[in-house]
Amino acid sequence: MKLKAIIEKGKDGLYSIYIPDIAGLFGTGETETEAKENLNESIEIALEHVEETGEWGDYSPLNGNYTLE
């Protein structure tokens, strides 16, 4: 499954990236690379939550194989 990630540069010069299909997952940074790394950390935290609770909830698009586009 391909998940679309949107990256934007704010007026403050910082970058933000989010996945429209998954509420609450985002990343920020001074560079695009830093924002993407921050998003990947958010995904890891979400998957840890799923592992602990057994509940996918809003994170169900991460269930199985996915790639970020």
Protein backbone atom coordinates (compact mmCIF):
# COMPACT_ATOMS: atom_id res chain seq x y z
CA MET A 1 0.00 0.00 0.00
CA LYS A 2 1.28 3.46 -0.87
CA LEU A 3 0.67 6.22 1.66
CA LYS A 4 0.90 9.79 0.47
CA ALA A 5 2.99 12.10 2.64
CA ILE A 6 2.75 15.84 2.13
CA ILE A 7 5.65 18.10 3.01
CA GLU A 8 5.31 21.86 3.26
CA LYS A 9 7.62 24.72 4.10
CA GLY A 10 6.10 27.19 6.54
CA LYS A 11 6.49 30.95 6.63
CA ASP A 12 8.88 30.44 9.54
CA GLY A 13 11.20 28.40 7.30
CA LEU A 14 10.48 25.09 9.06
CA TYR A 15 9.24 22.03 7.21
CA SER A 16 6.29 19.92 8.22
CA ILE A 17 5.22 16.58 6.81
CA TYR A 18 2.05 14.61 7.41
CA ILE A 19 0.06 11.68 6.08
CA PRO A 20 -3.50 12.83 5.31
CA ASP A 21 -4.90 9.30 5.76
CA ILE A 22 -3.57 8.98 9.33
CA ALA A 23 -4.63 11.53 11.91
CA GLY A 24 -1.94 12.63 14.33
CA LEU A 25 1.13 11.41 12.45
CA PHE A 26 3.44 14.21 11.43
CA GLY A 27 7.00 15.43 11.54
CA THR A 28 8.73 18.79 11.62
CA GLY A 29 12.25 20.01 11.10
CA GLU A 30 14.60 22.67 9.85
CA THR A 31 15.19 20.62 6.68
CA GLU A 32 13.06 18.26 4.61
CA THR A 33 15.29 15.39 5.71
CA GLU A 34 14.87 16.25 9.38
CA ALA A 35 11.09 16.46 8.97
CA LYS A 36 11.01 13.05 7.24
CA GLU A 37 13.13 11.50 10.01
CA ASN A 38 10.77 12.99 12.58
CA LEU A 39 7.78 11.49 10.74
CA ASN A 40 9.46 8.08 10.75
CA GLU A 41 9.95 8.39 14.51
CA SER A 42 6.24 9.20 14.87
CA ILE A 43 5.39 6.08 12.86
CA GLU A 44 7.63 3.96 15.10
CA ILE A 45 5.91 5.35 18.21
CA ALA A 46 2.49 4.62 16.66
CA LEU A 47 3.50 1.03 15.91
CA GLU A 48 4.82 0.61 19.46
CA HIS A 49 1.42 1.78 20.70
CA VAL A 50 -0.31 -0.79 18.51
CA GLU A 51 2.03 -3.52 19.78
CA GLU A 52 1.29 -2.59 23.40
CA THR A 53 -2.48 -2.22 23.05
CA GLY A 54 -3.32 -4.50 20.13
CA GLU A 55 -5.54 -1.74 18.75
CA TRP A 56 -4.88 -0.30 15.29
CA GLY A 57 -7.48 2.48 15.38
CA ASP A 58 -6.39 5.39 13.16
CA TYR A 59 -3.10 3.60 12.43
CA SER A 60 -4.73 0.79 10.41
CA PRO A 61 -3.14 2.01 7.13
CA LEU A 62 0.21 1.00 8.67
CA ASN A 63 -0.97 -2.60 9.07
CA GLY A 64 0.95 -4.67 6.52
CA ASN A 65 3.32 -3.51 3.84
CA TYR A 66 3.31 0.17 3.04
CA THR A 67 5.56 2.73 1.41
CA LEU A 68 5.56 6.47 1.79
CA GLU A 69 5.21 8.45 -1.38
